[in-house]
Amino acid sequence: MYTTYHFQSATDINTDILDAIKAVFKGKPVVITVEEELDETAFLSTNPANKDMLLKSIAQDKNEESITVKVD
């Protein structure tokens, strides 16, 4: 089984979440991995093609240019 928990802040993590994990997984072995969640801009910037498109869109917005999107 695979479950992902998302929190707005690490301060939102409390013993209730541990109790919930224990209840869901009971006596099964588990792995808990904690990582910082990237915001959308940082995530898009991890791919060079997406980063170029994002930077172009930001420049167009700053220059008050129309942004046209074609949806197939």
PDB file of N, CA and C in Angstrom:
ATOM      1  N   MET A   1       0.853  -1.178   0.000  1.00  0.00           N
ATOM      2  CA  MET A   1       0.000   0.000   0.000  1.00  0.00           C
ATOM      3  C   MET A   1       0.896   1.237   0.000  1.00  0.00           C
ATOM      4  N   TYR A   2       0.430   2.291  -0.641  1.00  0.00           N
ATOM      5  CA  TYR A   2       1.193   3.528  -0.762  1.00  0.00           C
ATOM      6  C   TYR A   2       0.275   4.691  -0.410  1.00  0.00           C
ATOM      7  N   THR A   3       0.702   5.534   0.499  1.00  0.00           N
ATOM      8  CA  THR A   3      -0.087   6.692   0.913  1.00  0.00           C
ATOM      9  C   THR A   3       0.806   7.912   0.996  1.00  0.00           C
ATOM     10  N   THR A   4       0.313   9.042   0.514  1.00  0.00           N
ATOM     11  CA  THR A   4       1.064  10.300   0.578  1.00  0.00           C
ATOM     12  C   THR A   4       0.278  11.290   1.415  1.00  0.00           C
ATOM     13  N   TYR A   5       0.970  11.917   2.345  1.00  0.00           N
ATOM     14  CA  TYR A   5       0.367  12.954   3.175  1.00  0.00           C
ATOM     15  C   TYR A   5       1.031  14.282   2.794  1.00  0.00           C
ATOM     16  N   HIS A   6       0.246  15.303   2.549  1.00  0.00           N
ATOM     17  CA  HIS A   6       0.766  16.631   2.221  1.00  0.00           C
ATOM     18  C   HIS A   6       0.390  17.591   3.345  1.00  0.00           C
ATOM     19  N   PHE A   7       1.366  18.369   3.778  1.00  0.00           N
ATOM     20  CA  PHE A   7       1.131  19.345   4.839  1.00  0.00           C
ATOM     21  C   PHE A   7       1.539  20.727   4.353  1.00  0.00           C
ATOM     22  N   GLN A   8       0.828  21.748   4.780  1.00  0.00           N
ATOM     23  CA  GLN A   8       1.170  23.124   4.441  1.00  0.00           C
ATOM     24  C   GLN A   8       2.477  23.527   5.098  1.00  0.00           C
ATOM     25  N   SER A   9       2.761  22.935   6.246  1.00  0.00           N
ATOM     26  CA  SER A   9       3.959  23.274   6.999  1.00  0.00           C
ATOM     27  C   SER A   9       4.328  22.087   7.882  1.00  0.00           C
ATOM     28  N   ALA A  10       5.606  21.955   8.179  1.00  0.00           N
ATOM     29  CA  ALA A  10       6.051  20.885   9.068  1.00  0.00           C
ATOM     30  C   ALA A  10       5.432  21.032  10.454  1.00  0.00           C
ATOM     31  N   THR A  11       5.045  22.240  10.806  1.00  0.00           N
ATOM     32  CA  THR A  11       4.423  22.440  12.124  1.00  0.00           C
ATOM     33  C   THR A  11       3.041  21.784  12.214  1.00  0.00           C
ATOM     34  N   ASP A  12       2.465  21.409  11.065  1.00  0.00           N
ATOM     35  CA  ASP A  12       1.170  20.729  11.062  1.00  0.00           C
ATOM     36  C   ASP A  12       1.285  19.251  11.426  1.00  0.00           C
ATOM     37  N   ILE A  13       2.497  18.712  11.441  1.00  0.00           N
ATOM     38  CA  ILE A  13       2.697  17.306  11.768  1.00  0.00           C
ATOM     39  C   ILE A  13       2.631  17.145  13.285  1.00  0.00           C
ATOM     40  N   ASN A  14       1.793  16.204  13.714  1.00  0.00           N
ATOM     41  CA  ASN A  14       1.663  15.966  15.154  1.00  0.00           C
ATOM     42  C   ASN A  14       1.467  14.478  15.415  1.00  0.00           C
ATOM     43  N   THR A  15       1.239  14.115  16.626  1.00  0.00           N
ATOM     44  CA  THR A  15       1.095  12.702  16.968  1.00  0.00           C
ATOM     45  C   THR A  15      -0.156  12.078  16.348  1.00  0.00           C
ATOM     46  N   ASP A  16      -1.136  12.888  15.982  1.00  0.00           N
ATOM     47  CA  ASP A  16      -2.346  12.353  15.342  1.00  0.00           C
ATOM     48  C   ASP A  16      -2.005  11.661  14.026  1.00  0.00           C
ATOM     49  N   ILE A  17      -1.068  12.226  13.270  1.00  0.00           N
ATOM     50  CA  ILE A  17      -0.695  11.603  11.992  1.00  0.00           C
ATOM     51  C   ILE A  17      -0.014  10.265  12.237  1.00  0.00           C
ATOM     52  N   LEU A  18       0.807  10.186  13.263  1.00  0.00           N
ATOM     53  CA  LEU A  18       1.442   8.906  13.586  1.00  0.00           C
ATOM     54  C   LEU A  18       0.403   7.866  13.995  1.00  0.00           C
ATOM     55  N   ASP A  19      -0.579   8.284  14.749  1.00  0.00           N
ATOM     56  CA  ASP A  19      -1.655   7.373  15.141  1.00  0.00           C
ATOM     57  C   ASP A  19      -2.441   6.909  13.913  1.00  0.00           C
ATOM     58  N   ALA A  20      -2.661   7.807  12.956  1.00  0.00           N
ATOM     59  CA  ALA A  20      -3.383   7.446  11.734  1.00  0.00           C
ATOM     60  C   ALA A  20      -2.580   6.436  10.916  1.00  0.00           C
ATOM     61  N   ILE A  21      -1.266   6.653  10.818  1.00  0.00           N
ATOM     62  CA  ILE A  21      -0.414   5.717  10.078  1.00  0.00           C
ATOM     63  C   ILE A  21      -0.443   4.351  10.743  1.00  0.00           C
ATOM     64  N   LYS A  22      -0.350   4.321  12.061  1.00  0.00           N
ATOM     65  CA  LYS A  22      -0.404   3.053  12.800  1.00  0.00           C
ATOM     66  C   LYS A  22      -1.726   2.337  12.554  1.00  0.00           C
ATOM     67  N   ALA A  23      -2.826   3.088  12.515  1.00  0.00           N
ATOM     68  CA  ALA A  23      -4.148   2.482  12.314  1.00  0.00           C
ATOM     69  C   ALA A  23      -4.292   1.910  10.907  1.00  0.00           C
ATOM     70  N   VAL A  24      -3.764   2.626   9.915  1.00  0.00           N
ATOM     71  CA  VAL A  24      -3.910   2.186   8.524  1.00  0.00           C
ATOM     72  C   VAL A  24      -3.013   0.985   8.229  1.00  0.00           C
ATOM     73  N   PHE A  25      -1.782   1.038   8.694  1.00  0.00           N
ATOM     74  CA  PHE A  25      -0.814   0.006   8.348  1.00  0.00           C
ATOM     75  C   PHE A  25      -0.692  -1.090   9.402  1.00  0.00           C
ATOM     76  N   LYS A  26      -1.345  -0.919  10.517  1.00  0.00           N
ATOM     77  CA  LYS A  26      -1.354  -1.874  11.622  1.00  0.00           C
ATOM     78  C   LYS A  26       0.056  -2.387  11.911  1.00  0.00           C
ATOM     79  N   GLY A  27       0.291  -3.706  11.901  1.00  0.00           N
ATOM     80  CA  GLY A  27       1.592  -4.260  12.261  1.00  0.00           C
ATOM     81  C   GLY A  27       2.549  -4.427  11.098  1.00  0.00           C
ATOM     82  N   LYS A  28       2.194  -3.882   9.928  1.00  0.00           N
ATOM     83  CA  LYS A  28       3.024  -4.050   8.731  1.00  0.00           C
ATOM     84  C   LYS A  28       4.268  -3.165   8.811  1.00  0.00           C
ATOM     85  N   PRO A  29       5.360  -3.610   8.176  1.00  0.00           N
ATOM     86  CA  PRO A  29       6.546  -2.741   8.126  1.00  0.00           C
ATOM     87  C   PRO A  29       6.267  -1.533   7.227  1.00  0.00           C
ATOM     88  N   VAL A  30       6.800  -0.383   7.599  1.00  0.00           N
ATOM     89  CA  VAL A  30       6.595   0.843   6.817  1.00  0.00           C
ATOM     90  C   VAL A  30       7.922   1.571   6.633  1.00  0.00           C
ATOM     91  N   VAL A  31       7.962   2.417   5.626  1.00  0.00           N
ATOM     92  CA  VAL A  31       9.086   3.328   5.393  1.00  0.00           C
ATOM     93  C   VAL A  31       8.513   4.731   5.374  1.00  0.00           C
ATOM     94  N   ILE A  32       9.095   5.627   6.120  1.00  0.00           N
ATOM     95  CA  ILE A  32       8.640   7.012   6.135  1.00  0.00           C
ATOM     96  C   ILE A  32       9.748   7.871   5.558  1.00  0.00           C
ATOM     97  N   THR A  33       9.439   8.572   4.466  1.00  0.00           N
ATOM     98  CA  THR A  33      10.383   9.470   3.812  1.00  0.00           C
ATOM     99  C   THR A  33       9.833  10.877   3.918  1.00  0.00           C
ATOM    100  N   VAL A  34      10.661  11.817   4.323  1.00  0.00           N
ATOM    101  CA  VAL A  34      10.229  13.203   4.447  1.00  0.00           C
ATOM    102  C   VAL A  34      11.046  14.032   3.468  1.00  0.00           C
ATOM    103  N   GLU A  35      10.364  14.815   2.644  1.00  0.00           N
ATOM    104  CA  GLU A  35      11.048  15.686   1.703  1.00  0.00           C
ATOM    105  C   GLU A  35      10.296  16.995   1.592  1.00  0.00           C
ATOM    106  N   GLU A  36      11.029  18.040   1.273  1.00  0.00           N
ATOM    107  CA  GLU A  36      10.408  19.349   1.078  1.00  0.00           C
ATOM    108  C   GLU A  36       9.653  19.330  -0.237  1.00  0.00           C
ATOM    109  N   GLU A  37       8.423  19.793  -0.215  1.00  0.00           N
ATOM    110  CA  GLU A  37       7.607  19.817  -1.424  1.00  0.00           C
ATOM    111  C   GLU A  37       7.942  21.055  -2.239  1.00  0.00           C
ATOM    112  N   LEU A  38       8.211  20.851  -3.535  1.00  0.00           N
ATOM    113  CA  LEU A  38       8.508  21.965  -4.428  1.00  0.00           C
ATOM    114  C   LEU A  38       7.219  22.690  -4.802  1.00  0.00           C
ATOM    115  N   ASP A  39       7.295  24.010  -4.877  1.00  0.00           N
ATOM    116  CA  ASP A  39       6.136  24.721  -5.401  1.00  0.00           C
ATOM    117  C   ASP A  39       6.098  24.517  -6.914  1.00  0.00           C
ATOM    118  N   GLU A  40       5.020  24.928  -7.554  1.00  0.00           N
ATOM    119  CA  GLU A  40       4.833  24.659  -8.973  1.00  0.00           C
ATOM    120  C   GLU A  40       5.946  25.261  -9.834  1.00  0.00           C
ATOM    121  N   THR A  41       6.370  26.470  -9.514  1.00  0.00           N
ATOM    122  CA  THR A  41       7.415  27.129 -10.304  1.00  0.00           C
ATOM    123  C   THR A  41       8.733  26.368 -10.187  1.00  0.00           C
ATOM    124  N   ALA A  42       9.096  25.974  -8.987  1.00  0.00           N
ATOM    125  CA  ALA A  42      10.339  25.219  -8.790  1.00  0.00           C
ATOM    126  C   ALA A  42      10.259  23.869  -9.495  1.00  0.00           C
ATOM    127  N   PHE A  43       9.099  23.217  -9.429  1.00  0.00           N
ATOM    128  CA  PHE A  43       8.932  21.928 -10.093  1.00  0.00           C
ATOM    129  C   PHE A  43       9.089  22.070 -11.603  1.00  0.00           C
ATOM    130  N   LEU A  44       8.429  23.066 -12.186  1.00  0.00           N
ATOM    131  CA  LEU A  44       8.528  23.269 -13.634  1.00  0.00           C
ATOM    132  C   LEU A  44       9.952  23.610 -14.057  1.00  0.00           C
ATOM    133  N   SER A  45      10.683  24.277 -13.187  1.00  0.00           N
ATOM    134  CA  SER A  45      12.049  24.682 -13.520  1.00  0.00           C
ATOM    135  C   SER A  45      13.031  23.519 -13.519  1.00  0.00           C
ATOM    136  N   THR A  46      12.642  22.368 -13.033  1.00  0.00           N
ATOM    137  CA  THR A  46      13.544  21.218 -13.018  1.00  0.00           C
ATOM    138  C   THR A  46      13.739  20.629 -14.406  1.00  0.00           C
ATOM    139  N   ASN A  47      12.833  20.925 -15.332  1.00  0.00           N
ATOM    140  CA  ASN A  47      12.944  20.451 -16.714  1.00  0.00           C
ATOM    141  C   ASN A  47      13.328  21.639 -17.590  1.00  0.00           C
ATOM    142  N   PRO A  48      14.441  21.549 -18.350  1.00  0.00           N
ATOM    143  CA  PRO A  48      14.896  22.700 -19.148  1.00  0.00           C
ATOM    144  C   PRO A  48      13.845  23.238 -20.126  1.00  0.00           C
ATOM    145  N   ALA A  49      13.101  22.368 -20.791  1.00  0.00           N
ATOM    146  CA  ALA A  49      12.083  22.826 -21.745  1.00  0.00           C
ATOM    147  C   ALA A  49      10.964  23.567 -21.019  1.00  0.00           C
ATOM    148  N   ASN A  50      10.533  23.026 -19.890  1.00  0.00           N
ATOM    149  CA  ASN A  50       9.488  23.693 -19.110  1.00  0.00           C
ATOM    150  C   ASN A  50       9.986  25.021 -18.557  1.00  0.00           C
ATOM    151  N   LYS A  51      11.250  25.047 -18.125  1.00  0.00           N
ATOM    152  CA  LYS A  51      11.822  26.276 -17.581  1.00  0.00           C
ATOM    153  C   LYS A  51      11.846  27.375 -18.636  1.00  0.00           C
ATOM    154  N   ASP A  52      12.260  27.032 -19.863  1.00  0.00           N
ATOM    155  CA  ASP A  52      12.281  28.014 -20.946  1.00  0.00           C
ATOM    156  C   ASP A  52      10.883  28.557 -21.229  1.00  0.00           C
ATOM    157  N   MET A  53       9.896  27.654 -21.274  1.00  0.00           N
ATOM    158  CA  MET A  53       8.517  28.066 -21.533  1.00  0.00           C
ATOM    159  C   MET A  53       8.008  28.967 -20.401  1.00  0.00           C
ATOM    160  N   LEU A  54       8.344  28.605 -19.167  1.00  0.00           N
ATOM    161  CA  LEU A  54       7.912  29.390 -18.011  1.00  0.00           C
ATOM    162  C   LEU A  54       8.522  30.787 -18.040  1.00  0.00           C
ATOM    163  N   LEU A  55       9.832  30.861 -18.303  1.00  0.00           N
ATOM    164  CA  LEU A  55      10.499  32.163 -18.363  1.00  0.00           C
ATOM    165  C   LEU A  55       9.943  33.022 -19.503  1.00  0.00           C
ATOM    166  N   LYS A  56       9.634  32.397 -20.640  1.00  0.00           N
ATOM    167  CA  LYS A  56       9.039  33.132 -21.767  1.00  0.00           C
ATOM    168  C   LYS A  56       7.665  33.683 -21.370  1.00  0.00           C
ATOM    169  N   SER A  57       6.877  32.868 -20.694  1.00  0.00           N
ATOM    170  CA  SER A  57       5.541  33.306 -20.268  1.00  0.00           C
ATOM    171  C   SER A  57       5.633  34.450 -19.255  1.00  0.00           C
ATOM    172  N   ILE A  58       6.599  34.367 -18.344  1.00  0.00           N
ATOM    173  CA  ILE A  58       6.783  35.431 -17.361  1.00  0.00           C
ATOM    174  C   ILE A  58       7.178  36.731 -18.057  1.00  0.00           C
ATOM    175  N   ALA A  59       8.082  36.649 -19.045  1.00  0.00           N
ATOM    176  CA  ALA A  59       8.499  37.838 -19.795  1.00  0.00           C
ATOM    177  C   ALA A  59       7.327  38.435 -20.564  1.00  0.00           C
ATOM    178  N   GLN A  60       6.516  37.577 -21.184  1.00  0.00           N
ATOM    179  CA  GLN A  60       5.347  38.061 -21.910  1.00  0.00           C
ATOM    180  C   GLN A  60       4.381  38.780 -20.973  1.00  0.00           C
ATOM    181  N   ASP A  61       4.193  38.233 -19.798  1.00  0.00           N
ATOM    182  CA  ASP A  61       3.292  38.852 -18.832  1.00  0.00           C
ATOM    183  C   ASP A  61       3.825  40.216 -18.387  1.00  0.00           C
ATOM    184  N   LYS A  62       5.123  40.291 -18.106  1.00  0.00           N
ATOM    185  CA  LYS A  62       5.723  41.555 -17.684  1.00  0.00           C
ATOM    186  C   LYS A  62       5.619  42.620 -18.769  1.00  0.00           C
ATOM    187  N   ASN A  63       5.694  42.193 -20.028  1.00  0.00           N
ATOM    188  CA  ASN A  63       5.589  43.122 -21.155  1.00  0.00           C
ATOM    189  C   ASN A  63       4.143  43.345 -21.587  1.00  0.00           C
ATOM    190  N   GLU A  64       3.215  42.789 -20.819  1.00  0.00           N
ATOM    191  CA  GLU A  64       1.778  42.886 -21.094  1.00  0.00           C
ATOM    192  C   GLU A  64       1.423  42.391 -22.491  1.00  0.00           C
ATOM    193  N   GLU A  65       2.123  41.351 -22.932  1.00  0.00           N
ATOM    194  CA  GLU A  65       1.841  40.735 -24.225  1.00  0.00           C
ATOM    195  C   GLU A  65       0.748  39.688 -24.053  1.00  0.00           C
ATOM    196  N   SER A  66      -0.001  39.485 -25.122  1.00  0.00           N
ATOM    197  CA  SER A  66      -1.021  38.442 -25.100  1.00  0.00           C
ATOM    198  C   SER A  66      -0.330  37.084 -25.099  1.00  0.00           C
ATOM    199  N   ILE A  67      -0.871  36.170 -24.371  1.00  0.00           N
ATOM    200  CA  ILE A  67      -0.382  34.806 -24.348  1.00  0.00           C
ATOM    201  C   ILE A  67      -1.450  33.937 -24.950  1.00  0.00           C
ATOM    202  N   THR A  68      -1.139  33.323 -26.075  1.00  0.00           N
ATOM    203  CA  THR A  68      -2.095  32.487 -26.791  1.00  0.00           C
ATOM    204  C   THR A  68      -1.739  31.033 -26.559  1.00  0.00           C
ATOM    205  N   VAL A  69      -2.731  30.255 -26.182  1.00  0.00           N
ATOM    206  CA  VAL A  69      -2.532  28.826 -25.950  1.00  0.00           C
ATOM    207  C   VAL A  69      -3.463  28.083 -26.876  1.00  0.00           C
ATOM    208  N   LYS A  70      -2.909  27.132 -27.632  1.00  0.00           N
ATOM    209  CA  LYS A  70      -3.716  26.306 -28.516  1.00  0.00           C
ATOM    210  C   LYS A  70      -3.924  24.955 -27.859  1.00  0.00           C
ATOM    211  N   VAL A  71      -5.178  24.572 -27.694  1.00  0.00           N
ATOM    212  CA  VAL A  71      -5.516  23.313 -27.076  1.00  0.00           C
ATOM    213  C   VAL A  71      -6.043  22.401 -28.159  1.00  0.00           C
ATOM    214  N   ASP A  72      -5.424  21.254 -28.291  1.00  0.00           N
ATOM    215  CA  ASP A  72      -5.865  20.294 -29.321  1.00  0.00           C
ATOM    216  C   ASP A  72      -6.979  19.409 -28.813  1.00  0.00           C
TER     217      ASP A  72
END
